[in-house]
């Protein structure tokens, strides 16, 4: 059988902004401006304000000795029939992740986290390693990073041999994702990123593929000072999108990024339910056209 928007959203935005402006009253308005000019030329800022775009990684890494506490939350479907009874998804939680990440050097970061998990797998632990090879400069037209992640589920083993969690050995609980991340920053106004990657799951349904090649495309458009619009799309290459009568789709997400002195806030909409490449890449089955998309947020705090 096996092979080895709504009013609550506006309220959330107001609460977050009110908190952060109060926290940073000691900072002048000039600190909110991205661009600096050197010899009448714009000095390039990082391609993204955060180590993530929406769900997936950006080309950025943490600075040396920086600790990042990250909290991510994904709610329920917004526009399906009777969505109002769940406050347009706010009563539901499809996934939650709490993680800590650390910059060992200015180019190397590590991290670990725990997700509630979204079906079919729950209780997901993850670890990551990301290395920035070089940044965009006058001599180099793009930034390049390499990343690798490990995912482990600790959910209870099922005695049902037809279940995805009928783990026969510990290695069946593991999945891996490695990627190459390239980004180009156009005068701090527009960033485009391409991220090819390889996903491998040790234990999958019979009709599924253990290994999938993945291509991610992301963009950032600067709207005003430290507020940007984000878009993210991943194409997962499969033998078939229909597995055990379930049709899986490619993850598509949009977001607003708000950068302050020590925080990055992301307010997002996506059709994926889970967090982490081991979840949102292979197991997304919600359709935007059917109203099966959800609100989510991420709070990143640097120490």
Protein backbone atom coordinates (compact mmCIF):
# COMPACT_ATOMS: atom_id res chain seq x y z
CA UNK A 1 0.00 0.00 0.00
CA UNK A 2 2.92 2.28 0.60
CA UNK A 3 6.21 3.29 -0.78
CA UNK A 4 9.64 3.18 1.28
CA UNK A 5 -11.32 39.98 4.45
CA UNK A 6 -13.14 41.03 6.89
CA UNK A 7 -13.44 43.38 9.87
CA UNK A 8 -11.40 41.11 12.15
CA UNK A 9 -8.49 41.42 9.75
CA UNK A 10 -8.63 45.22 9.80
CA UNK A 11 -8.81 45.08 13.59
CA UNK A 12 -5.72 42.86 13.70
CA UNK A 13 -3.77 45.29 11.54
CA UNK A 14 -4.76 48.24 13.74
CA UNK A 15 -3.74 46.41 16.93
CA UNK A 16 -0.37 45.41 15.52
CA UNK A 17 0.43 48.87 14.18
CA UNK A 18 -0.69 50.56 17.39
CA UNK A 19 1.56 48.29 19.45
CA UNK A 20 4.57 48.77 17.27
CA UNK A 21 4.28 52.53 16.93
CA UNK A 22 4.01 52.78 20.72
CA UNK A 23 7.02 50.52 21.15
CA UNK A 24 9.15 52.59 18.80
CA UNK A 25 8.22 56.15 19.78
CA UNK A 26 11.89 56.86 20.46
CA UNK A 27 12.63 56.46 16.76
CA UNK A 28 12.18 59.37 14.37
CA UNK A 29 10.21 59.17 11.17
CA UNK A 30 13.46 59.14 9.23
CA UNK A 31 14.11 55.63 10.53
CA UNK A 32 11.14 54.43 8.49
CA UNK A 33 12.69 55.34 5.16
CA UNK A 34 14.33 52.48 3.27
CA UNK A 35 16.48 54.30 0.79
CA UNK A 36 19.79 55.98 1.36
CA UNK A 37 21.81 57.73 -1.31
CA UNK A 38 25.55 57.48 -1.68
CA UNK A 39 27.15 59.66 -4.34
CA UNK A 40 23.72 60.26 -5.91
CA UNK A 41 23.19 56.49 -6.19
CA UNK A 42 20.70 54.40 -4.25
CA UNK A 43 22.37 52.07 -1.77
CA UNK A 44 20.71 48.66 -2.00
CA UNK A 45 18.93 47.34 1.06
CA UNK A 46 18.32 43.62 1.61
CA UNK A 47 16.14 42.06 -1.05
CA UNK A 48 13.54 41.18 1.64
CA UNK A 49 12.99 42.48 5.17
CA UNK A 50 12.60 38.96 6.58
CA UNK A 51 14.09 35.51 6.21
CA UNK A 52 10.71 34.41 4.81
CA UNK A 53 8.59 35.70 1.94
CA UNK A 54 5.21 34.27 2.95
CA UNK A 55 5.52 30.55 3.55
CA UNK A 56 8.86 29.93 1.94
CA UNK A 57 12.33 31.23 2.64
CA UNK A 58 13.73 34.44 1.21
CA UNK A 59 17.35 34.90 0.21
CA UNK A 60 18.04 36.72 3.50
CA UNK A 61 19.81 35.34 6.58
CA UNK A 62 20.05 36.69 10.12
CA UNK A 63 22.95 38.89 11.15
CA UNK A 64 25.60 37.41 13.44
CA UNK A 65 24.46 36.84 17.05
CA UNK A 66 20.84 37.77 16.20
CA UNK A 67 18.15 35.59 17.77
CA UNK A 68 14.81 35.54 15.97
CA UNK A 69 11.63 34.45 17.77
CA UNK A 70 8.96 33.62 15.18
CA UNK A 71 5.26 32.94 15.68
CA UNK A 72 3.14 32.00 12.67
CA UNK A 73 -0.59 31.29 12.56
CA UNK A 74 -2.92 30.08 9.80
CA UNK A 75 -6.71 30.33 10.16
CA UNK A 76 -9.63 28.69 8.38
CA UNK A 77 -11.30 29.23 5.00
CA UNK A 78 -12.61 32.75 4.44
CA UNK A 79 -15.06 32.52 1.53
CA UNK A 80 -16.60 29.04 1.62
CA UNK A 81 -20.37 28.64 2.27
CA UNK A 82 -21.32 29.53 5.84
CA UNK A 83 -17.84 30.95 6.49
CA UNK A 84 -19.49 33.68 8.55
CA UNK A 85 -20.33 31.13 11.25
CA UNK A 86 -16.61 30.67 11.90
CA UNK A 87 -15.98 34.45 11.71
CA UNK A 88 -14.55 33.88 8.24
CA UNK A 89 -12.07 31.33 9.48
CA UNK A 90 -10.97 33.04 12.68
CA UNK A 91 -12.59 30.34 14.82
CA UNK A 92 -10.40 27.73 13.19
CA UNK A 93 -6.68 27.15 13.26
CA UNK A 94 -5.19 25.06 10.49
CA UNK A 95 -1.62 25.43 11.75
CA UNK A 96 0.53 27.25 14.30
CA UNK A 97 4.32 27.37 14.48
CA UNK A 98 6.70 28.71 17.12
CA UNK A 99 10.37 28.77 16.24
CA UNK A 100 13.76 30.14 17.20
CA UNK A 101 16.44 30.99 14.67
CA UNK A 102 19.96 32.28 15.17
CA UNK A 103 22.68 33.93 13.09
CA UNK A 104 25.95 32.10 13.70
CA UNK A 105 27.78 34.42 11.31
CA UNK A 106 26.60 37.18 8.99
CA UNK A 107 26.15 34.50 6.33
CA UNK A 108 25.12 31.36 8.22
CA UNK A 109 21.94 30.82 10.25
CA UNK A 110 20.30 27.86 11.94
CA UNK A 111 16.81 27.35 13.33
CA UNK A 112 14.30 24.98 14.88
CA UNK A 113 10.55 25.04 15.42
CA UNK A 114 7.42 23.13 16.31
CA UNK A 115 4.17 23.20 14.33
CA UNK A 116 0.76 21.95 15.30
CA UNK A 117 0.66 20.51 11.83
CA UNK A 118 -2.06 20.28 9.26
CA UNK A 119 -3.50 17.11 7.82
CA UNK A 120 -2.37 14.56 7.01
CA UNK A 121 0.57 15.00 9.39
CA UNK A 122 0.56 16.70 12.80
CA UNK A 123 3.06 17.36 15.61
CA UNK A 124 5.77 18.50 13.20
CA UNK A 125 9.25 19.44 14.41
CA UNK A 126 11.68 21.14 12.05
CA UNK A 127 15.29 22.23 11.79
CA UNK A 128 16.94 24.42 9.19
CA UNK A 129 20.30 25.57 7.93
CA UNK A 130 20.74 28.48 5.49
CA UNK A 131 23.90 29.97 4.04
CA UNK A 132 24.22 33.23 2.12
CA UNK A 133 26.83 32.72 -0.59
CA UNK A 134 26.94 36.36 -1.72
CA UNK A 135 24.79 39.49 -1.87
CA UNK A 136 23.91 41.64 -4.85
CA UNK A 137 26.45 44.35 -5.58
CA UNK A 138 27.81 46.46 -8.42
CA UNK A 139 29.84 43.46 -9.57
CA UNK A 140 27.25 40.73 -8.86
CA UNK A 141 23.73 41.25 -10.28
CA UNK A 142 21.88 39.03 -7.78
CA UNK A 143 21.99 37.50 -4.29
CA UNK A 144 22.43 33.77 -3.72
CA UNK A 145 21.66 31.57 -0.70
CA UNK A 146 21.46 27.83 -0.08
CA UNK A 147 18.98 26.30 2.35
CA UNK A 148 18.11 22.90 3.75
CA UNK A 149 15.34 21.84 6.16
CA UNK A 150 14.46 18.66 8.03
CA UNK A 151 10.92 17.78 9.19
CA UNK A 152 9.94 15.12 11.75
CA UNK A 153 6.44 14.17 12.84
CA UNK A 154 5.94 12.83 16.35
CA UNK A 155 2.25 11.97 15.87
CA UNK A 156 1.04 8.65 17.20
CA UNK A 157 1.58 5.62 15.02
CA UNK A 158 -1.58 4.12 13.55
CA UNK A 159 -2.25 0.42 13.48
CA UNK A 160 -4.17 0.93 10.24
CA UNK A 161 -1.77 -0.13 7.52
CA UNK A 162 -3.60 2.10 5.02
CA UNK A 163 -2.92 5.27 7.05
CA UNK A 164 -0.21 7.75 6.21
CA UNK A 165 1.00 7.57 9.82
CA UNK A 166 1.39 3.79 9.98
CA UNK A 167 5.11 4.29 10.44
CA UNK A 168 7.00 1.02 10.35
CA UNK A 169 10.30 2.66 11.32
CA UNK A 170 11.52 6.01 12.59
CA UNK A 171 12.89 7.07 9.20
CA UNK A 172 9.31 7.03 7.85
CA UNK A 173 8.61 10.10 9.98
CA UNK A 174 11.23 12.20 8.18
CA UNK A 175 11.11 14.50 5.17
CA UNK A 176 13.68 16.86 3.71
CA UNK A 177 13.78 20.00 1.59
CA UNK A 178 16.82 21.63 -0.01
CA UNK A 179 16.83 24.71 -2.23
CA UNK A 180 18.86 27.27 -4.14
CA UNK A 181 17.59 30.84 -3.69
CA UNK A 182 18.40 33.64 -6.15
CA UNK A 183 17.05 37.19 -5.80
CA UNK A 184 17.37 40.44 -7.74
CA UNK A 185 16.66 43.82 -6.12
CA UNK A 186 15.74 46.67 -8.49
CA UNK A 187 16.52 50.00 -6.75
CA UNK A 188 14.79 48.87 -3.52
CA UNK A 189 11.44 49.19 -5.26
CA UNK A 190 10.95 45.71 -6.66
CA UNK A 191 12.47 42.32 -5.86
CA UNK A 192 12.07 39.08 -7.76
CA UNK A 193 13.24 35.74 -6.41
CA UNK A 194 13.51 32.30 -7.94
CA UNK A 195 13.96 29.26 -5.69
CA UNK A 196 14.28 25.78 -7.22
CA UNK A 197 14.25 23.00 -4.65
CA UNK A 198 14.00 19.28 -4.02
CA UNK A 199 11.49 17.76 -1.59
CA UNK A 200 11.93 14.18 -0.38
CA UNK A 201 9.54 12.31 1.91
CA UNK A 202 10.57 8.88 3.17
CA UNK A 203 6.99 7.63 3.50
CA UNK A 204 4.15 8.46 1.10
CA UNK A 205 0.95 6.98 -0.27
CA UNK A 206 1.37 4.39 -3.01
CA UNK A 207 0.23 6.76 -5.77
CA UNK A 208 2.43 9.60 -4.54
CA UNK A 209 6.06 10.42 -5.31
CA UNK A 210 8.74 10.23 -2.65
CA UNK A 211 10.72 12.97 -4.39
CA UNK A 212 9.40 16.14 -6.04
CA UNK A 213 11.22 18.90 -7.87
CA UNK A 214 9.79 22.29 -6.83
CA UNK A 215 10.10 25.73 -8.42
CA UNK A 216 9.25 28.80 -6.35
CA UNK A 217 8.77 32.33 -7.69
CA UNK A 218 8.37 35.30 -5.32
CA UNK A 219 8.13 39.08 -5.64
CA UNK A 220 8.20 42.09 -3.34
CA UNK A 221 6.87 45.52 -4.32
CA UNK A 222 7.64 48.44 -2.04
CA UNK A 223 4.43 50.36 -1.38
CA UNK A 224 5.47 53.00 1.15
CA UNK A 225 8.59 53.32 3.24
CA UNK A 226 8.82 50.02 5.16
CA UNK A 227 5.56 48.53 3.93
CA UNK A 228 5.71 46.11 1.00
CA UNK A 229 3.42 43.83 -0.95
CA UNK A 230 4.46 40.18 -1.31
CA UNK A 231 3.48 37.40 -3.69
CA UNK A 232 4.63 33.78 -3.67
CA UNK A 233 3.95 30.80 -5.90
CA UNK A 234 5.35 27.25 -5.87
CA UNK A 235 4.95 24.71 -8.63
CA UNK A 236 5.30 21.14 -7.37
CA UNK A 237 6.16 18.67 -10.13
CA UNK A 238 4.28 15.40 -9.60
CA UNK A 239 3.53 12.26 -11.54
CA UNK A 240 -0.14 12.95 -10.77
CA UNK A 241 -2.01 15.67 -8.86
CA UNK A 242 -4.76 13.19 -7.95
CA UNK A 243 -3.68 10.88 -5.14
CA UNK A 244 -6.17 8.51 -3.49
CA UNK A 245 -9.08 10.59 -4.89
CA UNK A 246 -7.61 13.83 -3.48
CA UNK A 247 -6.58 16.60 -5.89
CA UNK A 248 -3.53 18.52 -4.77
CA UNK A 249 -2.83 22.08 -5.96
CA UNK A 250 0.11 24.45 -6.08
CA UNK A 251 0.51 26.87 -3.14
CA UNK A 252 -0.25 30.52 -3.97
CA UNK A 253 0.04 33.30 -1.37
CA UNK A 254 -0.06 37.08 -1.03
CA UNK A 255 1.00 39.25 1.86
CA UNK A 256 1.77 42.64 3.36
CA UNK A 257 5.15 43.05 5.05
CA UNK A 258 5.60 45.69 7.77
CA UNK A 259 9.16 46.32 8.97
CA UNK A 260 9.89 48.16 12.21
CA UNK A 261 13.00 48.55 14.33
CA UNK A 262 13.05 45.07 15.84
CA UNK A 263 9.97 43.39 14.36
CA UNK A 264 8.73 42.17 11.02
CA UNK A 265 4.97 41.65 10.72
CA UNK A 266 3.43 39.71 7.86
CA UNK A 267 -0.31 39.72 7.14
CA UNK A 268 -0.97 37.02 4.56
CA UNK A 269 -3.58 35.20 2.49
CA UNK A 270 -2.91 31.73 1.09
CA UNK A 271 -4.57 28.51 -0.06
CA UNK A 272 -2.12 26.32 1.86
CA UNK A 273 -2.95 25.13 5.36
CA UNK A 274 0.35 23.93 6.80
CA UNK A 275 3.61 25.62 7.73
CA UNK A 276 6.99 24.41 6.53
CA UNK A 277 7.90 23.05 3.13
CA UNK A 278 7.24 19.49 4.28
CA UNK A 279 3.59 20.50 4.78
CA UNK A 280 2.52 23.28 2.40
CA UNK A 281 4.33 21.99 -0.69
CA UNK A 282 3.00 18.42 -1.00
CA UNK A 283 -0.33 18.65 0.84
CA UNK A 284 -2.06 21.83 -0.40
CA UNK A 285 -5.52 20.97 -1.73
CA UNK A 286 -7.51 24.17 -1.15
CA UNK A 287 -8.70 26.07 -4.22
CA UNK A 288 -8.68 29.88 -4.32
CA UNK A 289 -11.55 29.85 -6.84
CA UNK A 290 -13.73 27.90 -4.39
CA UNK A 291 -13.13 30.40 -1.57
CA UNK A 292 -10.74 27.99 0.13
CA UNK A 293 -8.14 30.52 1.15
CA UNK A 294 -7.27 31.81 4.60
CA UNK A 295 -5.75 34.66 6.55
CA UNK A 296 -2.52 34.16 8.42
CA UNK A 297 0.15 36.19 10.14
CA UNK A 298 3.77 35.93 11.21
CA UNK A 299 5.47 37.96 13.93
CA UNK A 300 9.26 38.00 13.89
CA UNK A 301 11.10 39.55 16.87
CA UNK A 302 14.87 40.05 16.78
CA UNK A 303 17.00 40.08 19.92
